[in-house]
Amino acid sequence: MVMKNYYSLSEAAEMLGKSKETLRRWDREGKLEATREPMSNYRVYKKSQLDLFSEFIEKESEEEIDNFVIPNKEYKVLELFAGAGGLAIGLEKAGIKCAALNEIVKWACQTLRENRPNWNVLEGDIRDFDFGKYKNEVDIVTGGFPCQAFSYAGKKLGLQDARGTLFYEFARVVQEINPPICIGENVKGLLSHEKGKTLEGMMSILDEIGYNVVPV
């Protein structure tokens, strides 16, 4: 058996169970510094160095604090503009039960039903649904609403000015259900859309119906 004194970046990543990019970052940060080969300038690692670091990782894992908290109730979410369920699945993994999802695209609805047969998928235009029955039944309303037409809303930036836009429908459902939390998902460009006026209008409407908005 041949014992090596130095290991390449790929070999070190495999030994430590980390990605090569993580090892590159650790090298830049000085957490696990690599040696450079004289001819190629490739990163290499000493065996003794990796052995010590492996022990450090194992000890660090053993000392991790368990932050799991048993919830005091079963939390539920209503998802609007659900698409194929990416956000809903993330919330499911966080322990939040999906009460219902609304989506207009039939192929996306088929995907939702195929992947989660137990989910209540409300297929069709959001304008055709009355969500009042979910009041006091769900804790979170989420929605990845399109915002392109919102900038044509009236100058007062109130709920009535937003009629005809899909954001208005999101706000309408939130107002009908009145959950403790609502989450509106959109693209980064929303921050600068119409020089910030679009986001300003949305925040104004949510404030009007009783929500303190924090853009993240």
N, C-alpha and C. Protein backbone atom coordinates (compact mmCIF):
# COMPACT_ATOMS: atom_id res chain seq x y z
N MET A 1 0.84 -1.19 0.00
CA MET A 1 0.00 0.00 0.00
C MET A 1 0.88 1.24 0.00
N VAL A 2 0.56 2.16 -0.90
CA VAL A 2 1.35 3.39 -1.01
C VAL A 2 0.70 4.48 -0.16
N MET A 3 1.48 5.09 0.72
CA MET A 3 0.98 6.18 1.55
C MET A 3 1.38 7.51 0.93
N LYS A 4 0.43 8.40 0.75
CA LYS A 4 0.70 9.70 0.15
C LYS A 4 0.88 10.74 1.24
N ASN A 5 1.77 11.67 0.99
CA ASN A 5 1.97 12.78 1.92
C ASN A 5 1.15 14.00 1.55
N TYR A 6 0.80 14.12 0.25
CA TYR A 6 0.03 15.26 -0.23
C TYR A 6 -1.19 14.78 -1.01
N TYR A 7 -2.26 15.54 -0.91
CA TYR A 7 -3.51 15.21 -1.62
C TYR A 7 -3.98 16.42 -2.42
N SER A 8 -4.53 16.12 -3.58
CA SER A 8 -5.05 17.19 -4.44
C SER A 8 -6.33 17.77 -3.85
N LEU A 9 -6.79 18.87 -4.45
CA LEU A 9 -8.03 19.50 -4.00
C LEU A 9 -9.20 18.53 -4.07
N SER A 10 -9.31 17.79 -5.16
CA SER A 10 -10.41 16.83 -5.33
C SER A 10 -10.34 15.73 -4.28
N GLU A 11 -9.14 15.21 -4.05
CA GLU A 11 -8.97 14.14 -3.06
C GLU A 11 -9.27 14.63 -1.66
N ALA A 12 -8.83 15.85 -1.34
CA ALA A 12 -9.09 16.41 -0.01
C ALA A 12 -10.58 16.64 0.20
N ALA A 13 -11.25 17.13 -0.84
CA ALA A 13 -12.69 17.36 -0.74
C ALA A 13 -13.43 16.05 -0.47
N GLU A 14 -13.02 14.99 -1.14
CA GLU A 14 -13.65 13.68 -0.94
C GLU A 14 -13.38 13.15 0.46
N MET A 15 -12.16 13.33 0.94
CA MET A 15 -11.81 12.85 2.28
C MET A 15 -12.62 13.55 3.37
N LEU A 16 -12.82 14.86 3.20
CA LEU A 16 -13.51 15.65 4.22
C LEU A 16 -15.03 15.67 4.02
N GLY A 17 -15.50 15.16 2.87
CA GLY A 17 -16.93 15.17 2.60
C GLY A 17 -17.45 16.57 2.32
N LYS A 18 -16.61 17.42 1.71
CA LYS A 18 -16.99 18.79 1.39
C LYS A 18 -16.78 19.02 -0.11
N SER A 19 -17.36 20.10 -0.62
CA SER A 19 -17.18 20.42 -2.03
C SER A 19 -15.83 21.10 -2.24
N LYS A 20 -15.37 21.08 -3.47
CA LYS A 20 -14.11 21.75 -3.80
C LYS A 20 -14.22 23.25 -3.58
N GLU A 21 -15.39 23.81 -3.88
CA GLU A 21 -15.59 25.25 -3.68
C GLU A 21 -15.49 25.61 -2.20
N THR A 22 -15.99 24.72 -1.31
CA THR A 22 -15.87 24.97 0.13
C THR A 22 -14.41 25.00 0.55
N LEU A 23 -13.63 24.06 0.02
CA LEU A 23 -12.20 24.04 0.36
C LEU A 23 -11.48 25.27 -0.19
N ARG A 24 -11.86 25.73 -1.37
CA ARG A 24 -11.26 26.96 -1.91
C ARG A 24 -11.58 28.14 -1.00
N ARG A 25 -12.83 28.19 -0.54
CA ARG A 25 -13.24 29.29 0.36
C ARG A 25 -12.49 29.22 1.67
N TRP A 26 -12.36 28.01 2.23
CA TRP A 26 -11.61 27.85 3.49
C TRP A 26 -10.16 28.28 3.33
N ASP A 27 -9.59 28.00 2.15
CA ASP A 27 -8.21 28.41 1.88
C ASP A 27 -8.11 29.93 1.88
N ARG A 28 -9.05 30.60 1.19
CA ARG A 28 -9.04 32.07 1.15
C ARG A 28 -9.23 32.68 2.53
N GLU A 29 -10.06 32.03 3.36
CA GLU A 29 -10.35 32.55 4.70
C GLU A 29 -9.30 32.18 5.73
N GLY A 30 -8.38 31.29 5.35
CA GLY A 30 -7.35 30.86 6.28
C GLY A 30 -7.81 29.78 7.24
N LYS A 31 -8.99 29.20 6.99
CA LYS A 31 -9.51 28.16 7.87
C LYS A 31 -8.80 26.83 7.64
N LEU A 32 -8.54 26.51 6.38
CA LEU A 32 -7.78 25.32 6.02
C LEU A 32 -6.92 25.70 4.81
N GLU A 33 -5.71 26.16 5.09
CA GLU A 33 -4.86 26.70 4.03
C GLU A 33 -4.16 25.59 3.26
N ALA A 34 -4.19 25.72 1.95
CA ALA A 34 -3.53 24.75 1.07
C ALA A 34 -2.11 25.20 0.76
N THR A 35 -1.31 24.21 0.36
CA THR A 35 0.03 24.49 -0.15
C THR A 35 -0.06 24.51 -1.67
N ARG A 36 0.73 25.33 -2.32
CA ARG A 36 0.71 25.42 -3.78
C ARG A 36 1.86 24.62 -4.39
N GLU A 37 1.53 23.82 -5.41
CA GLU A 37 2.59 23.11 -6.13
C GLU A 37 3.46 24.13 -6.88
N PRO A 38 4.78 23.97 -6.84
CA PRO A 38 5.68 24.96 -7.46
C PRO A 38 5.45 25.14 -8.95
N MET A 39 5.22 24.05 -9.69
CA MET A 39 5.12 24.12 -11.14
C MET A 39 3.73 24.52 -11.61
N SER A 40 2.70 23.90 -11.04
CA SER A 40 1.33 24.11 -11.53
C SER A 40 0.54 25.16 -10.75
N ASN A 41 0.99 25.46 -9.53
CA ASN A 41 0.28 26.37 -8.61
C ASN A 41 -1.06 25.80 -8.15
N TYR A 42 -1.26 24.47 -8.33
CA TYR A 42 -2.48 23.83 -7.85
C TYR A 42 -2.44 23.72 -6.33
N ARG A 43 -3.63 23.73 -5.73
CA ARG A 43 -3.73 23.52 -4.29
C ARG A 43 -3.46 22.06 -3.95
N VAL A 44 -2.64 21.81 -2.92
CA VAL A 44 -2.43 20.47 -2.39
C VAL A 44 -2.47 20.56 -0.86
N TYR A 45 -2.78 19.43 -0.22
CA TYR A 45 -2.94 19.40 1.24
C TYR A 45 -2.10 18.29 1.83
N LYS A 46 -1.46 18.58 2.95
CA LYS A 46 -0.69 17.57 3.66
C LYS A 46 -1.62 16.58 4.34
N LYS A 47 -1.20 15.32 4.38
CA LYS A 47 -2.01 14.29 5.01
C LYS A 47 -2.25 14.59 6.48
N SER A 48 -1.21 15.00 7.20
CA SER A 48 -1.34 15.30 8.63
C SER A 48 -2.33 16.44 8.86
N GLN A 49 -2.30 17.41 7.95
CA GLN A 49 -3.20 18.55 8.03
C GLN A 49 -4.66 18.10 7.89
N LEU A 50 -4.94 17.21 6.94
CA LEU A 50 -6.29 16.72 6.71
C LEU A 50 -6.77 15.84 7.85
N ASP A 51 -5.85 15.05 8.41
CA ASP A 51 -6.22 14.18 9.54
C ASP A 51 -6.67 15.02 10.73
N LEU A 52 -5.92 16.07 11.04
CA LEU A 52 -6.28 16.94 12.16
C LEU A 52 -7.60 17.67 11.89
N PHE A 53 -7.79 18.09 10.64
CA PHE A 53 -9.01 18.82 10.32
C PHE A 53 -10.23 17.90 10.36
N SER A 54 -10.05 16.66 9.98
CA SER A 54 -11.15 15.69 10.04
C SER A 54 -11.62 15.51 11.49
N GLU A 55 -10.67 15.43 12.41
CA GLU A 55 -11.00 15.30 13.83
C GLU A 55 -11.74 16.54 14.33
N PHE A 56 -11.33 17.73 13.84
CA PHE A 56 -11.98 18.98 14.23
C PHE A 56 -13.43 19.00 13.76
N ILE A 57 -13.68 18.57 12.51
CA ILE A 57 -15.03 18.55 11.96
C ILE A 57 -15.92 17.61 12.76
N GLU A 58 -15.40 16.42 13.10
CA GLU A 58 -16.17 15.44 13.87
C GLU A 58 -16.53 15.99 15.24
N LYS A 59 -15.57 16.63 15.91
CA LYS A 59 -15.83 17.20 17.23
C LYS A 59 -16.84 18.33 17.15
N GLU A 60 -16.73 19.17 16.09
CA GLU A 60 -17.65 20.30 15.90
C GLU A 60 -19.07 19.79 15.69
N SER A 61 -19.21 18.67 14.93
CA SER A 61 -20.54 18.10 14.67
C SER A 61 -21.15 17.55 15.95
N GLU A 62 -20.32 16.92 16.78
CA GLU A 62 -20.81 16.34 18.04
C GLU A 62 -21.31 17.41 18.99
N GLU A 63 -20.71 18.62 18.89
CA GLU A 63 -21.07 19.69 19.82
C GLU A 63 -22.18 20.61 19.30
N GLU A 64 -22.73 20.28 18.11
CA GLU A 64 -23.80 21.11 17.56
C GLU A 64 -25.01 21.10 18.48
N ILE A 65 -25.65 22.25 18.62
CA ILE A 65 -26.83 22.39 19.47
C ILE A 65 -28.07 21.99 18.70
N ASP A 66 -28.91 21.20 19.31
CA ASP A 66 -30.18 20.80 18.70
C ASP A 66 -31.21 21.89 18.97
N ASN A 67 -31.58 22.62 17.92
CA ASN A 67 -32.53 23.72 18.07
C ASN A 67 -33.97 23.32 17.75
N PHE A 68 -34.21 22.02 17.61
CA PHE A 68 -35.55 21.58 17.25
C PHE A 68 -36.53 21.91 18.38
N VAL A 69 -37.64 22.52 17.98
CA VAL A 69 -38.69 22.87 18.94
C VAL A 69 -40.00 22.22 18.51
N ILE A 70 -40.67 21.58 19.42
CA ILE A 70 -41.96 20.96 19.09
C ILE A 70 -43.00 22.07 18.99
N PRO A 71 -43.67 22.21 17.84
CA PRO A 71 -44.67 23.29 17.69
C PRO A 71 -45.85 23.06 18.61
N ASN A 72 -46.48 24.17 19.03
CA ASN A 72 -47.62 24.07 19.93
C ASN A 72 -48.93 23.81 19.20
N LYS A 73 -48.88 23.77 17.85
CA LYS A 73 -50.05 23.48 17.04
C LYS A 73 -49.60 23.07 15.65
N GLU A 74 -50.53 22.62 14.83
CA GLU A 74 -50.22 22.30 13.44
C GLU A 74 -50.41 23.55 12.59
N TYR A 75 -49.33 24.07 12.04
CA TYR A 75 -49.41 25.28 11.25
C TYR A 75 -49.73 24.95 9.79
N LYS A 76 -50.56 25.81 9.17
CA LYS A 76 -51.02 25.55 7.80
C LYS A 76 -50.78 26.77 6.92
N VAL A 77 -50.60 26.49 5.60
CA VAL A 77 -50.36 27.55 4.63
C VAL A 77 -51.33 27.40 3.46
N LEU A 78 -51.77 28.53 2.93
CA LEU A 78 -52.51 28.57 1.67
C LEU A 78 -51.59 29.21 0.65
N GLU A 79 -51.35 28.51 -0.44
CA GLU A 79 -50.41 28.99 -1.47
C GLU A 79 -51.17 29.46 -2.70
N LEU A 80 -50.89 30.70 -3.14
CA LEU A 80 -51.47 31.26 -4.35
C LEU A 80 -50.41 31.32 -5.45
N PHE A 81 -50.84 31.25 -6.71
CA PHE A 81 -49.89 31.25 -7.83
C PHE A 81 -48.82 30.18 -7.57
N ALA A 82 -49.27 28.98 -7.29
CA ALA A 82 -48.39 27.94 -6.72
C ALA A 82 -47.36 27.39 -7.68
N GLY A 83 -47.59 27.52 -9.00
CA GLY A 83 -46.65 26.93 -9.94
C GLY A 83 -46.58 25.43 -9.74
N ALA A 84 -45.38 24.89 -9.77
CA ALA A 84 -45.19 23.45 -9.58
C ALA A 84 -44.92 23.09 -8.12
N GLY A 85 -45.02 24.08 -7.21
CA GLY A 85 -44.96 23.77 -5.79
C GLY A 85 -43.62 23.95 -5.11
N GLY A 86 -42.70 24.69 -5.73
CA GLY A 86 -41.37 24.85 -5.11
C GLY A 86 -41.43 25.47 -3.73
N LEU A 87 -42.16 26.56 -3.58
CA LEU A 87 -42.26 27.22 -2.27
C LEU A 87 -43.04 26.35 -1.29
N ALA A 88 -44.09 25.73 -1.77
CA ALA A 88 -44.92 24.89 -0.90
C ALA A 88 -44.14 23.70 -0.34
N ILE A 89 -43.29 23.12 -1.16
CA ILE A 89 -42.47 22.00 -0.71
C ILE A 89 -41.47 22.46 0.34
N GLY A 90 -40.90 23.66 0.14
CA GLY A 90 -39.99 24.20 1.14
C GLY A 90 -40.67 24.40 2.48
N LEU A 91 -41.90 24.92 2.46
CA LEU A 91 -42.65 25.11 3.70
C LEU A 91 -43.03 23.76 4.31
N GLU A 92 -43.34 22.79 3.46
CA GLU A 92 -43.65 21.45 3.95
C GLU A 92 -42.46 20.87 4.71
N LYS A 93 -41.26 21.08 4.14
CA LYS A 93 -40.05 20.57 4.80
C LYS A 93 -39.80 21.28 6.13
N ALA A 94 -40.34 22.50 6.26
CA ALA A 94 -40.21 23.24 7.52
C ALA A 94 -41.28 22.82 8.52
N GLY A 95 -42.13 21.87 8.14
CA GLY A 95 -43.15 21.35 9.06
C GLY A 95 -44.49 22.03 8.96
N ILE A 96 -44.71 22.82 7.90
CA ILE A 96 -45.98 23.54 7.74
C ILE A 96 -46.86 22.80 6.75
N LYS A 97 -48.06 22.47 7.15
CA LYS A 97 -48.98 21.69 6.32
C LYS A 97 -49.65 22.58 5.28
N CYS A 98 -49.80 22.05 4.08
CA CYS A 98 -50.42 22.81 3.00
C CYS A 98 -51.94 22.57 3.02
N ALA A 99 -52.69 23.64 3.31
CA ALA A 99 -54.16 23.52 3.36
C ALA A 99 -54.75 23.49 1.96
N ALA A 100 -54.20 24.30 1.05
CA ALA A 100 -54.68 24.34 -0.34
C ALA A 100 -53.70 25.15 -1.18
N LEU A 101 -53.73 24.89 -2.50
CA LEU A 101 -52.90 25.63 -3.45
C LEU A 101 -53.76 26.04 -4.63
N ASN A 102 -53.55 27.24 -5.11
CA ASN A 102 -54.27 27.72 -6.29
C ASN A 102 -53.29 27.96 -7.43
N GLU A 103 -53.63 27.44 -8.60
CA GLU A 103 -52.78 27.63 -9.79
C GLU A 103 -53.68 27.54 -11.02
N ILE A 104 -53.41 28.39 -12.01
CA ILE A 104 -54.24 28.44 -13.21
C ILE A 104 -53.72 27.52 -14.33
N VAL A 105 -52.42 27.26 -14.36
CA VAL A 105 -51.84 26.46 -15.44
C VAL A 105 -52.09 24.98 -15.18
N LYS A 106 -52.77 24.34 -16.12
CA LYS A 106 -53.18 22.94 -15.89
C LYS A 106 -52.00 21.99 -15.75
N TRP A 107 -50.92 22.25 -16.50
CA TRP A 107 -49.77 21.34 -16.43
C TRP A 107 -49.10 21.44 -15.05
N ALA A 108 -49.05 22.64 -14.50
CA ALA A 108 -48.50 22.80 -13.16
C ALA A 108 -49.39 22.10 -12.14
N CYS A 109 -50.69 22.18 -12.33
CA CYS A 109 -51.63 21.50 -11.42
C CYS A 109 -51.44 19.99 -11.48
N GLN A 110 -51.22 19.48 -12.69
CA GLN A 110 -50.97 18.04 -12.83
C GLN A 110 -49.70 17.64 -12.09
N THR A 111 -48.68 18.49 -12.17
CA THR A 111 -47.43 18.22 -11.46
C THR A 111 -47.66 18.20 -9.95
N LEU A 112 -48.42 19.17 -9.46
CA LEU A 112 -48.72 19.23 -8.03
C LEU A 112 -49.44 17.97 -7.57
N ARG A 113 -50.44 17.54 -8.32
CA ARG A 113 -51.22 16.36 -7.94
C ARG A 113 -50.40 15.08 -8.04
N GLU A 114 -49.49 15.05 -9.03
CA GLU A 114 -48.65 13.86 -9.21
C GLU A 114 -47.66 13.73 -8.05
N ASN A 115 -47.05 14.86 -7.68
CA ASN A 115 -46.02 14.83 -6.63
C ASN A 115 -46.59 14.76 -5.22
N ARG A 116 -47.78 15.35 -5.02
CA ARG A 116 -48.40 15.37 -3.70
C ARG A 116 -49.90 15.06 -3.85
N PRO A 117 -50.25 13.78 -4.00
CA PRO A 117 -51.66 13.41 -4.21
C PRO A 117 -52.59 13.88 -3.08
N ASN A 118 -52.04 14.12 -1.90
CA ASN A 118 -52.87 14.51 -0.76
C ASN A 118 -53.12 16.02 -0.70
N TRP A 119 -52.47 16.79 -1.56
CA TRP A 119 -52.66 18.24 -1.54
C TRP A 119 -53.98 18.63 -2.18
N ASN A 120 -54.59 19.67 -1.66
CA ASN A 120 -55.84 20.20 -2.19
C ASN A 120 -55.51 21.26 -3.24
N VAL A 121 -55.52 20.87 -4.51
CA VAL A 121 -55.13 21.77 -5.60
C VAL A 121 -56.38 22.41 -6.19
N LEU A 122 -56.46 23.73 -6.11
CA LEU A 122 -57.59 24.49 -6.65
C LEU A 122 -57.19 25.03 -8.02
N GLU A 123 -57.57 24.30 -9.06
CA GLU A 123 -57.16 24.67 -10.41
C GLU A 123 -58.10 25.71 -11.00
N GLY A 124 -57.53 26.81 -11.53
CA GLY A 124 -58.34 27.83 -12.15
C GLY A 124 -57.88 29.23 -11.81
N ASP A 125 -58.56 30.21 -12.38
CA ASP A 125 -58.24 31.62 -12.18
C ASP A 125 -58.55 32.02 -10.74
N ILE A 126 -57.59 32.66 -10.09
CA ILE A 126 -57.75 33.08 -8.69
C ILE A 126 -58.99 33.96 -8.51
N ARG A 127 -59.37 34.69 -9.56
CA ARG A 127 -60.52 35.59 -9.48
C ARG A 127 -61.83 34.83 -9.28
N ASP A 128 -61.83 33.55 -9.62
CA ASP A 128 -63.05 32.76 -9.54
C ASP A 128 -63.24 32.06 -8.19
N PHE A 129 -62.32 32.27 -7.27
CA PHE A 129 -62.38 31.56 -6.00
C PHE A 129 -62.67 32.51 -4.84
N ASP A 130 -63.49 32.02 -3.93
CA ASP A 130 -63.73 32.70 -2.65
C ASP A 130 -62.96 31.92 -1.59
N PHE A 131 -62.00 32.57 -0.97
CA PHE A 131 -61.14 31.89 0.00
C PHE A 131 -61.56 32.15 1.44
N GLY A 132 -62.72 32.76 1.61
CA GLY A 132 -63.17 33.12 2.95
C GLY A 132 -63.28 31.95 3.91
N LYS A 133 -63.52 30.76 3.37
CA LYS A 133 -63.68 29.59 4.24
C LYS A 133 -62.38 29.21 4.96
N TYR A 134 -61.26 29.76 4.48
CA TYR A 134 -59.98 29.44 5.12
C TYR A 134 -59.64 30.41 6.25
N LYS A 135 -60.52 31.37 6.52
CA LYS A 135 -60.28 32.29 7.62
C LYS A 135 -60.25 31.51 8.93
N ASN A 136 -59.26 31.78 9.75
CA ASN A 136 -59.02 31.08 11.02
C ASN A 136 -58.59 29.63 10.82
N GLU A 137 -58.33 29.25 9.57
CA GLU A 137 -57.91 27.87 9.28
C GLU A 137 -56.45 27.79 8.86
N VAL A 138 -55.90 28.89 8.33
CA VAL A 138 -54.49 28.88 7.92
C VAL A 138 -53.73 29.99 8.62
N ASP A 139 -52.43 29.77 8.78
CA ASP A 139 -51.58 30.70 9.50
C ASP A 139 -50.75 31.58 8.57
N ILE A 140 -50.57 31.11 7.34
CA ILE A 140 -49.74 31.82 6.38
C ILE A 140 -50.42 31.79 5.01
N VAL A 141 -50.42 32.92 4.32
CA VAL A 141 -50.81 32.97 2.91
C VAL A 141 -49.57 33.37 2.13
N THR A 142 -49.23 32.59 1.10
CA THR A 142 -48.06 32.89 0.29
C THR A 142 -48.49 33.03 -1.17
N GLY A 143 -47.65 33.70 -1.96
CA GLY A 143 -47.96 33.82 -3.38
C GLY A 143 -46.86 34.46 -4.17
N GLY A 144 -46.49 33.85 -5.28
CA GLY A 144 -45.52 34.43 -6.19
C GLY A 144 -46.25 35.14 -7.31
N PHE A 145 -46.86 36.26 -7.02
CA PHE A 145 -47.72 36.97 -7.96
C PHE A 145 -46.92 37.69 -9.03
N PRO A 146 -47.41 37.69 -10.28
CA PRO A 146 -46.79 38.54 -11.31
C PRO A 146 -47.08 40.00 -11.00
N CYS A 147 -46.16 40.91 -11.34
CA CYS A 147 -46.36 42.32 -10.97
C CYS A 147 -46.29 43.26 -12.16
N GLN A 148 -46.17 42.71 -13.38
CA GLN A 148 -45.89 43.56 -14.53
C GLN A 148 -46.92 44.69 -14.70
N ALA A 149 -48.20 44.40 -14.49
CA ALA A 149 -49.24 45.39 -14.76
C ALA A 149 -49.47 46.34 -13.60
N PHE A 150 -48.84 46.10 -12.48
CA PHE A 150 -49.18 46.87 -11.28
C PHE A 150 -48.82 48.34 -11.41
N SER A 151 -47.80 48.66 -12.19
CA SER A 151 -47.37 50.05 -12.29
C SER A 151 -48.42 50.94 -12.93
N TYR A 152 -49.43 50.34 -13.53
CA TYR A 152 -50.50 51.13 -14.15
C TYR A 152 -51.63 51.42 -13.17
N ALA A 153 -51.46 51.03 -11.92
CA ALA A 153 -52.47 51.33 -10.90
C ALA A 153 -52.52 52.84 -10.66
N GLY A 154 -53.60 53.28 -10.00
CA GLY A 154 -53.79 54.71 -9.77
C GLY A 154 -52.74 55.32 -8.87
N LYS A 155 -52.67 56.62 -8.84
CA LYS A 155 -51.63 57.32 -8.11
C LYS A 155 -51.79 57.23 -6.60
N LYS A 156 -52.99 56.91 -6.12
CA LYS A 156 -53.20 56.87 -4.67
C LYS A 156 -52.58 55.64 -4.04
N LEU A 157 -52.26 54.64 -4.86
CA LEU A 157 -51.59 53.43 -4.39
C LEU A 157 -52.37 52.72 -3.28
N GLY A 158 -53.68 52.75 -3.37
CA GLY A 158 -54.53 52.05 -2.41
C GLY A 158 -55.05 50.76 -2.99
N LEU A 159 -55.74 49.99 -2.16
CA LEU A 159 -56.23 48.68 -2.58
C LEU A 159 -57.14 48.78 -3.80
N GLN A 160 -58.03 49.76 -3.83
CA GLN A 160 -58.94 49.89 -4.96
C GLN A 160 -58.20 50.24 -6.25
N ASP A 161 -57.12 50.99 -6.15
CA ASP A 161 -56.35 51.34 -7.34
C ASP A 161 -55.70 50.12 -7.99
N ALA A 162 -55.52 49.08 -7.23
CA ALA A 162 -54.81 47.90 -7.75
C ALA A 162 -55.75 46.90 -8.42
N ARG A 163 -57.05 47.19 -8.47
CA ARG A 163 -58.02 46.28 -9.11
C ARG A 163 -57.57 45.96 -10.53
N GLY A 164 -57.77 44.70 -10.91
CA GLY A 164 -57.38 44.27 -12.25
C GLY A 164 -55.98 43.71 -12.31
N THR A 165 -55.20 43.85 -11.24
CA THR A 165 -53.86 43.27 -11.21
C THR A 165 -53.88 42.01 -10.35
N LEU A 166 -52.93 41.13 -10.58
CA LEU A 166 -52.88 39.90 -9.79
C LEU A 166 -52.39 40.16 -8.38
N PHE A 167 -51.64 41.24 -8.19
CA PHE A 167 -51.28 41.57 -6.82
C PHE A 167 -52.54 41.94 -6.03
N TYR A 168 -53.49 42.61 -6.67
CA TYR A 168 -54.75 42.92 -6.00
C TYR A 168 -55.41 41.64 -5.51
N GLU A 169 -55.37 40.58 -6.34
CA GLU A 169 -55.99 39.31 -5.94
C GLU A 169 -55.26 38.71 -4.74
N PHE A 170 -53.94 38.82 -4.74
CA PHE A 170 -53.17 38.35 -3.58
C PHE A 170 -53.62 39.10 -2.32
N ALA A 171 -53.69 40.44 -2.43
CA ALA A 171 -54.10 41.26 -1.28
C ALA A 171 -55.54 40.95 -0.87
N ARG A 172 -56.40 40.71 -1.85
CA ARG A 172 -57.80 40.39 -1.55
C ARG A 172 -57.90 39.12 -0.71
N VAL A 173 -57.15 38.09 -1.12
CA VAL A 173 -57.19 36.82 -0.39
C VAL A 173 -56.62 36.99 1.02
N VAL A 174 -55.52 37.71 1.12
CA VAL A 174 -54.93 37.98 2.44
C VAL A 174 -55.95 38.69 3.33
N GLN A 175 -56.66 39.66 2.77
CA GLN A 175 -57.66 40.40 3.55
C GLN A 175 -58.82 39.48 3.95
N GLU A 176 -59.23 38.58 3.06
CA GLU A 176 -60.33 37.66 3.36
C GLU A 176 -59.97 36.70 4.49
N ILE A 177 -58.74 36.21 4.46
CA ILE A 177 -58.33 35.18 5.43
C ILE A 177 -57.77 35.80 6.70
N ASN A 178 -57.08 36.94 6.54
CA ASN A 178 -56.48 37.65 7.67
C ASN A 178 -55.55 36.75 8.49
N PRO A 179 -54.55 36.13 7.83
CA PRO A 179 -53.61 35.27 8.56
C PRO A 179 -52.61 36.09 9.36
N PRO A 180 -51.95 35.51 10.34
CA PRO A 180 -50.91 36.24 11.08
C PRO A 180 -49.76 36.68 10.18
N ILE A 181 -49.47 35.87 9.15
CA ILE A 181 -48.33 36.13 8.27
C ILE A 181 -48.75 35.97 6.81
N CYS A 182 -48.26 36.85 5.96
CA CYS A 182 -48.38 36.64 4.51
C CYS A 182 -47.00 36.84 3.89
N ILE A 183 -46.71 36.06 2.88
CA ILE A 183 -45.41 36.11 2.22
C ILE A 183 -45.64 36.29 0.72
N GLY A 184 -45.15 37.40 0.18
CA GLY A 184 -45.22 37.63 -1.26
C GLY A 184 -43.86 37.40 -1.88
N GLU A 185 -43.79 36.48 -2.81
CA GLU A 185 -42.51 36.14 -3.43
C GLU A 185 -42.45 36.75 -4.82
N ASN A 186 -41.29 37.34 -5.17
CA ASN A 186 -41.13 37.91 -6.50
C ASN A 186 -39.66 37.95 -6.86
N VAL A 187 -39.36 38.51 -8.02
CA VAL A 187 -37.97 38.57 -8.48
C VAL A 187 -37.26 39.78 -7.88
N LYS A 188 -35.93 39.75 -7.91
CA LYS A 188 -35.12 40.84 -7.35
C LYS A 188 -35.43 42.17 -8.02
N GLY A 189 -35.79 42.11 -9.32
CA GLY A 189 -36.06 43.32 -10.07
C GLY A 189 -37.23 44.13 -9.54
N LEU A 190 -38.06 43.51 -8.71
CA LEU A 190 -39.19 44.24 -8.15
C LEU A 190 -38.72 45.44 -7.32
N LEU A 191 -37.54 45.33 -6.73
CA LEU A 191 -37.02 46.42 -5.90
C LEU A 191 -36.83 47.70 -6.70
N SER A 192 -36.46 47.56 -7.98
CA SER A 192 -36.18 48.74 -8.81
C SER A 192 -37.25 48.99 -9.87
N HIS A 193 -38.27 48.13 -9.94
CA HIS A 193 -39.31 48.27 -10.97
C HIS A 193 -40.01 49.61 -10.83
N GLU A 194 -40.11 50.34 -11.95
CA GLU A 194 -40.72 51.68 -11.95
C GLU A 194 -40.08 52.57 -10.87
N LYS A 195 -38.74 52.43 -10.75
CA LYS A 195 -37.97 53.25 -9.79
C LYS A 195 -38.47 53.09 -8.35
N GLY A 196 -38.89 51.88 -8.03
CA GLY A 196 -39.31 51.57 -6.66
C GLY A 196 -40.77 51.84 -6.39
N LYS A 197 -41.49 52.45 -7.36
CA LYS A 197 -42.88 52.80 -7.13
C LYS A 197 -43.78 51.56 -7.03
N THR A 198 -43.42 50.51 -7.77
CA THR A 198 -44.22 49.29 -7.73
C THR A 198 -44.21 48.69 -6.33
N LEU A 199 -43.01 48.53 -5.77
CA LEU A 199 -42.89 47.98 -4.42
C LEU A 199 -43.54 48.91 -3.39
N GLU A 200 -43.37 50.21 -3.58
CA GLU A 200 -43.97 51.17 -2.67
C GLU A 200 -45.50 51.02 -2.65
N GLY A 201 -46.08 50.82 -3.83
CA GLY A 201 -47.52 50.65 -3.91
C GLY A 201 -47.98 49.37 -3.23
N MET A 202 -47.26 48.29 -3.43
CA MET A 202 -47.61 47.02 -2.80
C MET A 202 -47.53 47.12 -1.27
N MET A 203 -46.47 47.74 -0.80
CA MET A 203 -46.32 47.90 0.65
C MET A 203 -47.43 48.77 1.23
N SER A 204 -47.82 49.79 0.47
CA SER A 204 -48.90 50.67 0.91
C SER A 204 -50.21 49.90 1.05
N ILE A 205 -50.47 49.03 0.09
CA ILE A 205 -51.72 48.25 0.12
C ILE A 205 -51.72 47.27 1.28
N LEU A 206 -50.61 46.57 1.48
CA LEU A 206 -50.55 45.61 2.59
C LEU A 206 -50.62 46.32 3.94
N ASP A 207 -50.04 47.51 4.00
CA ASP A 207 -50.16 48.32 5.22
C ASP A 207 -51.62 48.71 5.45
N GLU A 208 -52.33 49.02 4.38
CA GLU A 208 -53.74 49.41 4.45
C GLU A 208 -54.60 48.30 5.05
N ILE A 209 -54.23 47.05 4.77
CA ILE A 209 -55.04 45.94 5.29
C ILE A 209 -54.45 45.33 6.57
N GLY A 210 -53.47 46.04 7.14
CA GLY A 210 -53.03 45.68 8.49
C GLY A 210 -51.73 44.91 8.61
N TYR A 211 -50.86 44.96 7.59
CA TYR A 211 -49.62 44.19 7.65
C TYR A 211 -48.40 45.09 7.63
N ASN A 212 -47.44 44.78 8.49
CA ASN A 212 -46.17 45.49 8.53
C ASN A 212 -45.20 44.76 7.60
N VAL A 213 -44.86 45.39 6.48
CA VAL A 213 -44.09 44.73 5.43
C VAL A 213 -42.60 44.93 5.64
N VAL A 214 -41.86 43.81 5.51
CA VAL A 214 -40.39 43.87 5.59
C VAL A 214 -39.83 43.23 4.32
N PRO A 215 -39.34 44.03 3.36
CA PRO A 215 -38.76 43.45 2.15
C PRO A 215 -37.45 42.73 2.47
N VAL A 216 -37.28 41.53 1.95
CA VAL A 216 -36.05 40.77 2.16
C VAL A 216 -35.58 40.19 0.83
